[in-house]
C-alpha atoms as a PDB file:
ATOM      1  CA  MET A   1     -28.222 -17.925   0.465  1.00  0.00           C
ATOM      2  CA  LEU A   2     -24.516 -16.426   0.723  1.00  0.00           C
ATOM      3  CA  PHE A   3     -22.392 -19.057   2.207  1.00  0.00           C
ATOM      4  CA  PHE A   4     -19.738 -18.275   5.081  1.00  0.00           C
ATOM      5  CA  ARG A   5     -18.244 -19.660   8.085  1.00  0.00           C
ATOM      6  CA  SER A   6     -19.597 -18.472  11.123  1.00  0.00           C
ATOM      7  CA  MET A   7     -16.451 -17.502  13.585  1.00  0.00           C
ATOM      8  CA  SER A   8     -16.160 -19.369  16.509  1.00  0.00           C
ATOM      9  CA  SER A   9     -14.470 -18.406  19.901  1.00  0.00           C
ATOM     10  CA  GLN A  10     -12.053 -21.627  19.105  1.00  0.00           C
ATOM     11  CA  ASP A  11     -11.443 -20.016  14.952  1.00  0.00           C
ATOM     12  CA  ASN A  12      -8.501 -17.371  16.443  1.00  0.00           C
ATOM     13  CA  THR A  13      -5.746 -18.304  13.318  1.00  0.00           C
ATOM     14  CA  ILE A  14      -5.071 -15.560  11.264  1.00  0.00           C
ATOM     15  CA  ALA A  15      -3.045 -15.946   8.493  1.00  0.00           C
ATOM     16  CA  LEU A  16      -1.298 -13.088   6.824  1.00  0.00           C
ATOM     17  CA  ILE A  17       0.009 -13.395   2.893  1.00  0.00           C
ATOM     18  CA  GLY A  18       2.637 -11.247   2.397  1.00  0.00           C
ATOM     19  CA  PHE A  19       4.746  -9.454   5.503  1.00  0.00           C
ATOM     20  CA  GLY A  20       5.483  -6.059   5.125  1.00  0.00           C
ATOM     21  CA  GLU A  21       4.788  -2.739   6.769  1.00  0.00           C
ATOM     22  CA  ALA A  22       1.040  -3.189   6.877  1.00  0.00           C
ATOM     23  CA  ALA A  23       0.931  -6.745   8.061  1.00  0.00           C
ATOM     24  CA  SER A  24       3.583  -5.802  11.165  1.00  0.00           C
ATOM     25  CA  ALA A  25       1.922  -3.172  11.827  1.00  0.00           C
ATOM     26  CA  PHE A  26      -1.444  -4.867  11.940  1.00  0.00           C
ATOM     27  CA  VAL A  27       0.249  -7.244  14.246  1.00  0.00           C
ATOM     28  CA  ALA A  28       1.921  -4.766  16.563  1.00  0.00           C
ATOM     29  CA  GLY A  29      -1.559  -3.206  17.282  1.00  0.00           C
ATOM     30  CA  TRP A  30      -3.400  -6.523  17.972  1.00  0.00           C
ATOM     31  CA  GLY A  31      -0.662  -7.589  20.331  1.00  0.00           C
ATOM     32  CA  GLY A  32       1.502 -10.460  21.487  1.00  0.00           C
ATOM     33  CA  ALA A  33      -1.653 -12.661  22.497  1.00  0.00           C
ATOM     34  CA  ARG A  34      -2.846 -12.448  19.150  1.00  0.00           C
ATOM     35  CA  ALA A  35       0.234 -12.855  17.450  1.00  0.00           C
ATOM     36  CA  ARG A  36       0.862 -16.080  18.907  1.00  0.00           C
ATOM     37  CA  HIS A  37      -2.364 -17.041  16.562  1.00  0.00           C
ATOM     38  CA  CYS A  38      -0.918 -15.316  13.621  1.00  0.00           C
ATOM     39  CA  ARG A  39       0.624 -17.229  10.695  1.00  0.00           C
ATOM     40  CA  ALA A  40       2.699 -15.835   7.828  1.00  0.00           C
ATOM     41  CA  PHE A  41       4.192 -16.522   4.664  1.00  0.00           C
ATOM     42  CA  ASP A  42       6.297 -13.732   2.447  1.00  0.00           C
ATOM     43  CA  ILE A  43       7.240 -14.568  -1.014  1.00  0.00           C
ATOM     44  CA  LYS A  44      11.054 -13.445   0.246  1.00  0.00           C
ATOM     45  CA  THR A  45      11.668 -16.727   2.498  1.00  0.00           C
ATOM     46  CA  ASP A  46      11.992 -18.169  -1.041  1.00  0.00           C
ATOM     47  CA  SER A  47      14.778 -16.005  -2.423  1.00  0.00           C
ATOM     48  CA  LYS A  48      18.401 -17.191  -3.379  1.00  0.00           C
ATOM     49  CA  ARG A  49      19.452 -13.259  -2.695  1.00  0.00           C
ATOM     50  CA  PRO A  50      22.125 -13.639   0.203  1.00  0.00           C
ATOM     51  CA  GLY A  51      20.257 -12.441   3.736  1.00  0.00           C
ATOM     52  CA  ILE A  52      16.721 -11.776   1.898  1.00  0.00           C
ATOM     53  CA  SER A  53      15.128 -15.187   3.238  1.00  0.00           C
ATOM     54  CA  GLU A  54      17.392 -15.072   6.750  1.00  0.00           C
ATOM     55  CA  SER A  55      15.969 -11.179   7.632  1.00  0.00           C
ATOM     56  CA  LYS A  56      12.215 -12.271   6.845  1.00  0.00           C
ATOM     57  CA  TYR A  57      12.379 -15.099   9.105  1.00  0.00           C
ATOM     58  CA  LEU A  58      13.859 -12.496  11.885  1.00  0.00           C
ATOM     59  CA  ASP A  59      10.499 -10.381  10.772  1.00  0.00           C
ATOM     60  CA  TYR A  60       8.380 -12.989  11.882  1.00  0.00           C
ATOM     61  CA  GLU A  61      10.799 -13.365  14.885  1.00  0.00           C
ATOM     62  CA  LYS A  62      10.115  -9.806  16.291  1.00  0.00           C
ATOM     63  CA  SER A  63       6.507  -9.709  15.864  1.00  0.00           C
ATOM     64  CA  GLY A  64       5.940 -13.288  17.700  1.00  0.00           C
ATOM     65  CA  VAL A  65       4.228 -14.455  14.601  1.00  0.00           C
ATOM     66  CA  GLN A  66       4.975 -18.111  13.290  1.00  0.00           C
ATOM     67  CA  GLY A  67       6.652 -17.941   9.865  1.00  0.00           C
ATOM     68  CA  HIS A  68       6.210 -20.348   7.451  1.00  0.00           C
ATOM     69  CA  GLY A  69       8.060 -21.543   4.303  1.00  0.00           C
ATOM     70  CA  THR A  70       5.314 -22.147   2.332  1.00  0.00           C
ATOM     71  CA  LEU A  71       1.813 -20.406   1.314  1.00  0.00           C
ATOM     72  CA  GLU A  72       0.363 -23.904   2.307  1.00  0.00           C
ATOM     73  CA  ALA A  73       1.492 -24.179   6.016  1.00  0.00           C
ATOM     74  CA  ALA A  74       0.576 -20.452   6.383  1.00  0.00           C
ATOM     75  CA  LEU A  75      -3.307 -21.491   5.552  1.00  0.00           C
ATOM     76  CA  ARG A  76      -3.653 -24.339   7.442  1.00  0.00           C
ATOM     77  CA  GLY A  77      -6.242 -24.186   9.736  1.00  0.00           C
ATOM     78  CA  SER A  78      -6.733 -19.970   9.051  1.00  0.00           C
ATOM     79  CA  THR A  79     -10.038 -18.952   9.061  1.00  0.00           C
ATOM     80  CA  ARG A  80      -9.454 -15.446   8.594  1.00  0.00           C
ATOM     81  CA  VAL A  81      -6.759 -14.173   5.541  1.00  0.00           C
ATOM     82  CA  PHE A  82      -5.275 -11.130   5.303  1.00  0.00           C
ATOM     83  CA  SER A  83      -3.531 -10.412   1.816  1.00  0.00           C
ATOM     84  CA  LEU A  84      -1.139  -7.356   2.320  1.00  0.00           C
ATOM     85  CA  VAL A  85       1.176  -7.952  -1.060  1.00  0.00           C
ATOM     86  CA  THR A  86       2.312  -5.705  -3.362  1.00  0.00           C
ATOM     87  CA  ALA A  87      -0.350  -4.294  -6.099  1.00  0.00           C
ATOM     88  CA  ASP A  88       1.472  -6.161  -8.810  1.00  0.00           C
ATOM     89  CA  GLN A  89       0.853  -9.748  -7.050  1.00  0.00           C
ATOM     90  CA  ALA A  90      -2.655  -8.982  -5.864  1.00  0.00           C
ATOM     91  CA  GLY A  91      -3.864 -11.500  -8.725  1.00  0.00           C
ATOM     92  CA  ALA A  92      -1.277 -14.440  -8.358  1.00  0.00           C
ATOM     93  CA  ALA A  93      -1.627 -14.057  -4.451  1.00  0.00           C
ATOM     94  CA  ALA A  94      -5.342 -14.966  -4.653  1.00  0.00           C
ATOM     95  CA  ARG A  95      -4.944 -17.323  -7.122  1.00  0.00           C
ATOM     96  CA  SER A  96      -2.172 -19.618  -5.292  1.00  0.00           C
ATOM     97  CA  ALA A  97      -3.911 -19.264  -1.580  1.00  0.00           C
ATOM     98  CA  ALA A  98      -7.303 -20.248  -3.475  1.00  0.00           C
ATOM     99  CA  ALA A  99      -5.666 -24.511  -3.553  1.00  0.00           C
ATOM    100  CA  PHE A 100      -5.105 -24.266  -0.024  1.00  0.00           C
ATOM    101  CA  LEU A 101      -7.901 -21.933   1.415  1.00  0.00           C
ATOM    102  CA  GLU A 102     -10.408 -23.971   4.115  1.00  0.00           C
ATOM    103  CA  PRO A 103     -13.851 -23.821   3.338  1.00  0.00           C
ATOM    104  CA  GLY A 104     -15.426 -20.606   4.320  1.00  0.00           C
ATOM    105  CA  ALA A 105     -12.611 -18.713   5.021  1.00  0.00           C
ATOM    106  CA  PHE A 106     -12.399 -15.018   5.145  1.00  0.00           C
ATOM    107  CA  PHE A 107      -9.817 -13.804   2.342  1.00  0.00           C
ATOM    108  CA  LEU A 108      -9.450 -10.185   3.282  1.00  0.00           C
ATOM    109  CA  ASP A 109      -8.019  -8.792  -0.273  1.00  0.00           C
ATOM    110  CA  CYS A 110      -6.243  -5.667   0.873  1.00  0.00           C
ATOM    111  CA  ASN A 111      -4.456  -4.749  -2.161  1.00  0.00           C
ATOM    112  CA  SER A 112      -4.019  -1.467  -3.639  1.00  0.00           C
ATOM    113  CA  CYS A 113      -5.766  -2.711  -7.037  1.00  0.00           C
ATOM    114  CA  SER A 114      -7.947  -1.819  -9.279  1.00  0.00           C
ATOM    115  CA  PRO A 115     -11.677  -3.177  -9.257  1.00  0.00           C
ATOM    116  CA  GLY A 116     -11.502  -5.459 -11.842  1.00  0.00           C
ATOM    117  CA  VAL A 117      -8.485  -7.529 -10.530  1.00  0.00           C
ATOM    118  CA  LYS A 118     -10.236  -7.526  -7.464  1.00  0.00           C
ATOM    119  CA  ARG A 119     -13.318  -9.095  -9.179  1.00  0.00           C
ATOM    120  CA  ASN A 120     -11.262 -11.314 -10.719  1.00  0.00           C
ATOM    121  CA  SER A 121      -9.740 -12.430  -7.553  1.00  0.00           C
ATOM    122  CA  ALA A 122     -13.076 -12.911  -5.418  1.00  0.00           C
ATOM    123  CA  ARG A 123     -14.376 -15.573  -8.715  1.00  0.00           C
ATOM    124  CA  VAL A 124     -11.312 -17.377  -7.733  1.00  0.00           C
ATOM    125  CA  ILE A 125     -11.604 -17.480  -4.179  1.00  0.00           C
ATOM    126  CA  ASN A 126     -15.453 -17.802  -3.948  1.00  0.00           C
ATOM    127  CA  ALA A 127     -15.336 -20.497  -6.226  1.00  0.00           C
ATOM    128  CA  ALA A 128     -12.744 -22.539  -4.130  1.00  0.00           C
ATOM    129  CA  GLY A 129     -15.183 -22.014  -0.888  1.00  0.00           C
ATOM    130  CA  GLY A 130     -14.284 -19.160   0.412  1.00  0.00           C
ATOM    131  CA  CYS A 131     -15.446 -15.126   1.414  1.00  0.00           C
ATOM    132  CA  TYR A 132     -14.308 -12.831  -0.331  1.00  0.00           C
ATOM    133  CA  VAL A 133     -13.854  -9.410   1.200  1.00  0.00           C
ATOM    134  CA  ASP A 134     -12.404  -6.279  -0.927  1.00  0.00           C
ATOM    135  CA  VAL A 135     -10.402  -4.193   1.437  1.00  0.00           C
ATOM    136  CA  ALA A 136      -8.825  -0.613   1.036  1.00  0.00           C
ATOM    137  CA  ILE A 137      -6.745   0.738   3.180  1.00  0.00           C
ATOM    138  CA  MET A 138      -7.474   4.458   3.408  1.00  0.00           C
ATOM    139  CA  ALA A 139      -4.515   5.790   5.336  1.00  0.00           C
ATOM    140  CA  PRO A 140      -0.909   5.120   6.557  1.00  0.00           C
ATOM    141  CA  VAL A 141      -0.803   2.175   8.766  1.00  0.00           C
ATOM    142  CA  HIS A 142       1.762   4.370  11.172  1.00  0.00           C
ATOM    143  CA  PRO A 143       0.722   5.523  14.002  1.00  0.00           C
ATOM    144  CA  GLY A 144      -3.266   4.021  13.384  1.00  0.00           C
ATOM    145  CA  LEU A 145      -1.726   0.068  13.151  1.00  0.00           C
ATOM    146  CA  HIS A 146      -4.619  -2.114  13.478  1.00  0.00           C
ATOM    147  CA  ARG A 147      -7.049   0.432  13.821  1.00  0.00           C
ATOM    148  CA  THR A 148      -5.959   2.304  10.838  1.00  0.00           C
ATOM    149  CA  PRO A 149      -9.384   3.256   8.829  1.00  0.00           C
ATOM    150  CA  LEU A 150     -10.464   0.642   6.393  1.00  0.00           C
ATOM    151  CA  THR A 151     -13.291   0.976   3.543  1.00  0.00           C
ATOM    152  CA  ILE A 152     -14.584  -2.988   3.016  1.00  0.00           C
ATOM    153  CA  SER A 153     -16.952  -4.255   0.302  1.00  0.00           C
ATOM    154  CA  GLY A 154     -18.803  -7.266  -1.054  1.00  0.00           C
ATOM    155  CA  PRO A 155     -21.648  -9.706  -0.608  1.00  0.00           C
ATOM    156  CA  TYR A 156     -19.866 -11.147   2.523  1.00  0.00           C
ATOM    157  CA  ALA A 157     -18.804  -7.376   3.905  1.00  0.00           C
ATOM    158  CA  GLY A 158     -21.416  -7.059   6.363  1.00  0.00           C
ATOM    159  CA  SER A 159     -20.205 -10.480   8.057  1.00  0.00           C
ATOM    160  CA  ALA A 160     -16.239  -8.917   7.646  1.00  0.00           C
ATOM    161  CA  LEU A 161     -17.301  -5.861   9.588  1.00  0.00           C
ATOM    162  CA  GLU A 162     -18.390  -8.053  12.471  1.00  0.00           C
ATOM    163  CA  LEU A 163     -14.968  -9.801  11.878  1.00  0.00           C
ATOM    164  CA  LEU A 164     -13.144  -6.957  12.036  1.00  0.00           C
ATOM    165  CA  GLY A 165     -14.628  -5.541  14.961  1.00  0.00           C
ATOM    166  CA  GLY A 166     -13.495  -8.608  17.176  1.00  0.00           C
ATOM    167  CA  LEU A 167      -9.867  -7.755  15.771  1.00  0.00           C
ATOM    168  CA  GLU A 168     -10.572  -4.015  17.383  1.00  0.00           C
ATOM    169  CA  MET A 169     -10.206  -2.985  13.662  1.00  0.00           C
ATOM    170  CA  THR A 170     -12.212   0.099  12.157  1.00  0.00           C
ATOM    171  CA  ALA A 171     -14.094  -0.509   8.864  1.00  0.00           C
ATOM    172  CA  THR A 172     -16.808   0.861   7.009  1.00  0.00           C
ATOM    173  CA  VAL A 173     -19.024  -0.912   4.473  1.00  0.00           C
ATOM    174  CA  ALA A 174     -18.926   0.762   0.951  1.00  0.00           C
ATOM    175  CA  GLY A 175     -21.336  -1.374  -0.562  1.00  0.00           C
ATOM    176  CA  THR A 176     -22.341  -5.291  -1.378  1.00  0.00           C
ATOM    177  CA  GLY A 177     -20.092  -5.204  -4.616  1.00  0.00           C
ATOM    178  CA  VAL A 178     -16.723  -6.105  -5.168  1.00  0.00           C
ATOM    179  CA  GLY A 179     -14.534  -3.103  -6.306  1.00  0.00           C
ATOM    180  CA  ASP A 180     -16.510  -0.068  -4.551  1.00  0.00           C
ATOM    181  CA  ALA A 181     -13.964  -0.032  -1.781  1.00  0.00           C
ATOM    182  CA  SER A 182     -11.022  -0.514  -4.492  1.00  0.00           C
ATOM    183  CA  SER A 183     -12.829   2.056  -6.562  1.00  0.00           C
ATOM    184  CA  ILE A 184     -12.858   4.841  -4.187  1.00  0.00           C
ATOM    185  CA  LYS A 185      -9.058   3.759  -2.707  1.00  0.00           C
ATOM    186  CA  MET A 186      -8.090   4.308  -5.845  1.00  0.00           C
ATOM    187  CA  ILE A 187      -9.692   7.398  -7.238  1.00  0.00           C
ATOM    188  CA  ARG A 188      -9.243   8.700  -4.145  1.00  0.00           C
ATOM    189  CA  SER A 189      -4.805   7.935  -5.069  1.00  0.00           C
ATOM    190  CA  ILE A 190      -5.293  10.087  -8.283  1.00  0.00           C
ATOM    191  CA  VAL A 191      -5.041  13.309  -5.923  1.00  0.00           C
ATOM    192  CA  MET A 192      -3.258  12.084  -3.023  1.00  0.00           C
ATOM    193  CA  LYS A 193      -0.327  10.024  -4.681  1.00  0.00           C
ATOM    194  CA  GLY A 194      -0.414  12.785  -7.832  1.00  0.00           C
ATOM    195  CA  LEU A 195      -0.514  15.871  -4.957  1.00  0.00           C
ATOM    196  CA  GLU A 196       3.115  14.156  -4.109  1.00  0.00           C
ATOM    197  CA  ALA A 197       4.576  13.893  -7.491  1.00  0.00           C
ATOM    198  CA  LEU A 198       2.927  17.803  -8.416  1.00  0.00           C
ATOM    199  CA  VAL A 199       4.757  18.809  -5.164  1.00  0.00           C
ATOM    200  CA  ALA A 200       7.910  17.063  -5.680  1.00  0.00           C
ATOM    201  CA  ASP A 201       8.420  18.650  -9.141  1.00  0.00           C
ATOM    202  CA  CYS A 202       7.398  22.121  -7.756  1.00  0.00           C
ATOM    203  CA  VAL A 203       9.879  22.058  -4.939  1.00  0.00           C
ATOM    204  CA  LEU A 204      12.838  20.291  -6.766  1.00  0.00           C
ATOM    205  CA  ALA A 205      12.300  23.275  -9.361  1.00  0.00           C
ATOM    206  CA  GLY A 206      12.092  25.517  -6.924  1.00  0.00           C
ATOM    207  CA  ARG A 207      15.086  24.768  -4.998  1.00  0.00           C
ATOM    208  CA  LEU A 208      17.147  24.574  -8.392  1.00  0.00           C
ATOM    209  CA  ALA A 209      15.768  28.172  -9.589  1.00  0.00           C
ATOM    210  CA  GLY A 210      16.200  29.285  -5.908  1.00  0.00           C
ATOM    211  CA  VAL A 211      12.705  30.624  -5.393  1.00  0.00           C
ATOM    212  CA  ASP A 212      11.106  27.503  -3.708  1.00  0.00           C
ATOM    213  CA  GLU A 213      10.843  29.251  -0.374  1.00  0.00           C
ATOM    214  CA  ALA A 214       8.833  32.116  -2.067  1.00  0.00           C
ATOM    215  CA  VAL A 215       6.490  29.543  -4.177  1.00  0.00           C
ATOM    216  CA  LEU A 216       5.721  27.855  -1.084  1.00  0.00           C
ATOM    217  CA  ALA A 217       4.715  31.614   0.567  1.00  0.00           C
ATOM    218  CA  THR A 218       2.623  32.178  -1.981  1.00  0.00           C
ATOM    219  CA  LEU A 219       0.817  28.742  -2.162  1.00  0.00           C
ATOM    220  CA  GLU A 220       0.328  29.536   1.552  1.00  0.00           C
ATOM    221  CA  LYS A 221      -1.486  32.772   1.179  1.00  0.00           C
ATOM    222  CA  THR A 222      -3.508  30.959  -1.533  1.00  0.00           C
ATOM    223  CA  TYR A 223      -4.620  27.865   0.597  1.00  0.00           C
ATOM    224  CA  PRO A 224      -4.170  29.211   4.065  1.00  0.00           C
ATOM    225  CA  GLY A 225      -3.756  26.422   6.902  1.00  0.00           C
ATOM    226  CA  PHE A 226      -2.827  24.021   4.358  1.00  0.00           C
ATOM    227  CA  GLY A 227       1.199  24.036   5.553  1.00  0.00           C
ATOM    228  CA  TRP A 228       3.355  23.932   2.688  1.00  0.00           C
ATOM    229  CA  GLU A 229       6.603  23.478   3.910  1.00  0.00           C
ATOM    230  CA  GLN A 230       5.673  20.709   6.268  1.00  0.00           C
ATOM    231  CA  ARG A 231       3.104  19.056   4.121  1.00  0.00           C
ATOM    232  CA  ALA A 232       6.319  19.053   1.198  1.00  0.00           C
ATOM    233  CA  GLY A 233       8.593  17.246   3.470  1.00  0.00           C
ATOM    234  CA  TYR A 234       6.592  14.779   4.387  1.00  0.00           C
ATOM    235  CA  MET A 235       5.208  14.176   0.800  1.00  0.00           C
ATOM    236  CA  LEU A 236       9.241  14.014  -0.525  1.00  0.00           C
ATOM    237  CA  GLU A 237       9.577  11.487   2.553  1.00  0.00           C
ATOM    238  CA  ARG A 238       6.539   9.642   1.265  1.00  0.00           C
ATOM    239  CA  MET A 239       7.865   9.554  -2.308  1.00  0.00           C
ATOM    240  CA  MET A 240      11.819   8.469  -1.105  1.00  0.00           C
ATOM    241  CA  THR A 241      10.471   5.611   1.115  1.00  0.00           C
ATOM    242  CA  HIS A 242       7.815   4.082  -1.015  1.00  0.00           C
ATOM    243  CA  GLY A 243       7.940   5.586  -4.033  1.00  0.00           C
ATOM    244  CA  VAL A 244       8.244   2.322  -6.111  1.00  0.00           C
ATOM    245  CA  ARG A 245       5.296   0.714  -4.170  1.00  0.00           C
ATOM    246  CA  ARG A 246       3.758   3.846  -4.639  1.00  0.00           C
ATOM    247  CA  ALA A 247       4.447   3.872  -8.354  1.00  0.00           C
ATOM    248  CA  ALA A 248       2.244   0.360  -8.100  1.00  0.00           C
ATOM    249  CA  GLU A 249      -0.400   1.715  -7.264  1.00  0.00           C
ATOM    250  CA  MET A 250      -0.741   4.495  -9.697  1.00  0.00           C
ATOM    251  CA  GLY A 251      -0.347   1.629 -12.068  1.00  0.00           C
ATOM    252  CA  GLU A 252      -3.829   0.039 -10.888  1.00  0.00           C
ATOM    253  CA  VAL A 253      -5.301   3.588 -10.897  1.00  0.00           C
ATOM    254  CA  ALA A 254      -4.349   3.497 -14.716  1.00  0.00           C
ATOM    255  CA  SER A 255      -5.965   0.005 -14.947  1.00  0.00           C
ATOM    256  CA  THR A 256      -9.219   1.307 -13.240  1.00  0.00           C
ATOM    257  CA  LEU A 257      -9.304   4.292 -15.901  1.00  0.00           C
ATOM    258  CA  GLU A 258      -9.025   2.259 -18.463  1.00  0.00           C
ATOM    259  CA  GLU A 259     -11.568   0.037 -16.624  1.00  0.00           C
ATOM    260  CA  LEU A 260     -14.139   3.399 -16.400  1.00  0.00           C
ATOM    261  CA  GLY A 261     -13.042   4.554 -20.414  1.00  0.00           C
ATOM    262  CA  LEU A 262     -10.705   7.169 -19.527  1.00  0.00           C
ATOM    263  CA  GLY A 263      -6.986   8.231 -20.385  1.00  0.00           C
ATOM    264  CA  THR A 264      -4.586   7.891 -18.236  1.00  0.00           C
ATOM    265  CA  ALA A 265      -2.168  10.454 -19.063  1.00  0.00           C
ATOM    266  CA  LEU A 266      -1.876  11.893 -15.459  1.00  0.00           C
ATOM    267  CA  ALA A 267      -2.016   8.750 -13.882  1.00  0.00           C
ATOM    268  CA  ASP A 268       1.061   7.146 -15.792  1.00  0.00           C
ATOM    269  CA  ALA A 269       2.751  10.634 -15.226  1.00  0.00           C
ATOM    270  CA  THR A 270       2.327  10.670 -11.487  1.00  0.00           C
ATOM    271  CA  MET A 271       3.278   6.579 -11.600  1.00  0.00           C
ATOM    272  CA  GLU A 272       6.811   7.820 -13.259  1.00  0.00           C
ATOM    273  CA  ARG A 273       7.665  10.213 -10.934  1.00  0.00           C
ATOM    274  CA  GLN A 274       6.965   8.392  -8.185  1.00  0.00           C
ATOM    275  CA  GLN A 275       9.252   5.344  -9.535  1.00  0.00           C
ATOM    276  CA  ARG A 276      11.944   7.159 -10.419  1.00  0.00           C
ATOM    277  CA  ILE A 277      12.449   8.974  -7.162  1.00  0.00           C
ATOM    278  CA  GLY A 278      11.926   5.539  -4.852  1.00  0.00           C
ATOM    279  CA  GLU A 279      14.277   4.236  -7.129  1.00  0.00           C
ATOM    280  CA  LEU A 280      17.090   6.403  -6.182  1.00  0.00           C
ATOM    281  CA  GLY A 281      16.965   4.200  -2.660  1.00  0.00           C
ATOM    282  CA  LEU A 282      17.464   7.481  -0.672  1.00  0.00           C
ATOM    283  CA  ILE A 283      17.057   7.729   3.161  1.00  0.00           C
ATOM    284  CA  ALA A 284      14.988  10.728   4.120  1.00  0.00           C
ATOM    285  CA  GLN A 285      17.883  12.585   6.550  1.00  0.00           C
ATOM    286  CA  SER A 286      15.302  15.254   7.810  1.00  0.00           C
ATOM    287  CA  PRO A 287      11.865  16.340   7.820  1.00  0.00           C
ATOM    288  CA  ASP A 288      12.702  19.312   6.447  1.00  0.00           C
ATOM    289  CA  TYR A 289      11.637  19.853   2.656  1.00  0.00           C
ATOM    290  CA  ARG A 290      15.190  21.135   1.890  1.00  0.00           C
ATOM    291  CA  VAL A 291      17.133  18.393   2.857  1.00  0.00           C
ATOM    292  CA  LEU A 292      15.125  16.060   1.463  1.00  0.00           C
ATOM    293  CA  ALA A 293      14.773  18.077  -2.063  1.00  0.00           C
ATOM    294  CA  ASP A 294      18.922  18.367  -1.747  1.00  0.00           C
ATOM    295  CA  GLN A 295      18.868  14.752  -1.564  1.00  0.00           C
ATOM    296  CA  ILE A 296      17.000  13.924  -4.429  1.00  0.00           C
ATOM    297  CA  LEU A 297      18.903  16.724  -6.369  1.00  0.00           C
ATOM    298  CA  GLU A 298      22.423  15.240  -5.869  1.00  0.00           C
ATOM    299  CA  SER A 299      20.691  11.635  -6.573  1.00  0.00           C
ATOM    300  CA  LEU A 300      19.847  12.765  -9.704  1.00  0.00           C
ATOM    301  CA  THR A 301      21.939  12.577 -13.329  1.00  0.00           C
ATOM    302  CA  PRO A 302      24.547  15.269 -13.788  1.00  0.00           C
ATOM    303  CA  ALA A 303      22.101  17.037 -15.998  1.00  0.00           C
ATOM    304  CA  GLY A 304      19.506  16.811 -13.493  1.00  0.00           C
ATOM    305  CA  GLU A 305      17.375  14.583 -15.299  1.00  0.00           C
ATOM    306  CA  ILE A 306      14.191  13.284 -13.230  1.00  0.00           C
ATOM    307  CA  GLY A 307      12.549  11.308 -15.812  1.00  0.00           C
ATOM    308  CA  GLY A 308      10.199  11.984 -18.934  1.00  0.00           C
ATOM    309  CA  GLY A 309      12.740  13.354 -21.071  1.00  0.00           C
ATOM    310  CA  GLN A 310      12.578  16.830 -18.814  1.00  0.00           C
ATOM    311  CA  ASN A 311      16.044  18.419 -17.926  1.00  0.00           C
ATOM    312  CA  TYR A 312      16.739  20.860 -14.789  1.00  0.00           C
ATOM    313  CA  SER A 313      19.784  22.274 -16.200  1.00  0.00           C
ATOM    314  CA  THR A 314      21.042  24.260 -12.992  1.00  0.00           C
ATOM    315  CA  ILE A 315      23.851  23.086 -11.462  1.00  0.00           C
ATOM    316  CA  GLU A 316      25.760  26.548 -11.485  1.00  0.00           C
ATOM    317  CA  GLN A 317      22.783  27.321  -9.493  1.00  0.00           C
ATOM    318  CA  LYS A 318      23.029  25.138  -6.999  1.00  0.00           C
ATOM    319  CA  GLU A 319      27.154  25.581  -6.268  1.00  0.00           C
END
């Protein structure tokens, strides 16, 4: 028989491991009354780099949550734990949390990582007396905030569905196996992040060749109603703003494909493109794909190298 701690009206403390875009969006959606019962820990509070720790504590203050300097303090008394770290830190976060987790507490692993990583984390959390739930965030957290669609799975998914409903969150159960939810997210990302990378290459090459508008017009005829110009701008902005994080997720997609016995060449190429554009550290100056593409091109090496050994040598055309 599965053991889990039933939630009573007194069990209202929420812990957030990692306090970036997703955690702050959830808290904003929950509102100030619930935020006061949220405890947060982010590894950036340990940073020795000037201003990083102070900035994170300001984030806590602005959101109205209780910021803590240690994971142990954040988890103390918390019956619902949301893990919202970067993909490459998901397993480490689970292992660290296991030492301090309250018996019967729900551990909602919302990180974008492979089913294998999630199954390993589940073993650690459940062995420590917690209730592990595989959670996949299925859309950007803005503008949906806490109502952003979630897919959940694992033996505690049914109980977690009730828990999330009490937080006015939107969740669908994918199955009773840990990894069911993350498999959906990872395999979906082959298209979602891969399409971004394809569009980026298409638009950047089109700008350099002076045929970008014509190319997108033909795509609009082939796929009517897609809105290629608008979507190209949105996809470039996402890569500029979140490319490094998306690249980390594509690394987990590659791991998922390896777990399934498939090749990873396409996932690897998508990861490289996302990483390369994300590392430029650009702030989008317009929703217009032309402006964003030119920002990216102007920030690349003089030869126009965008990674993978491929050069787009049309500097003269730009001028």
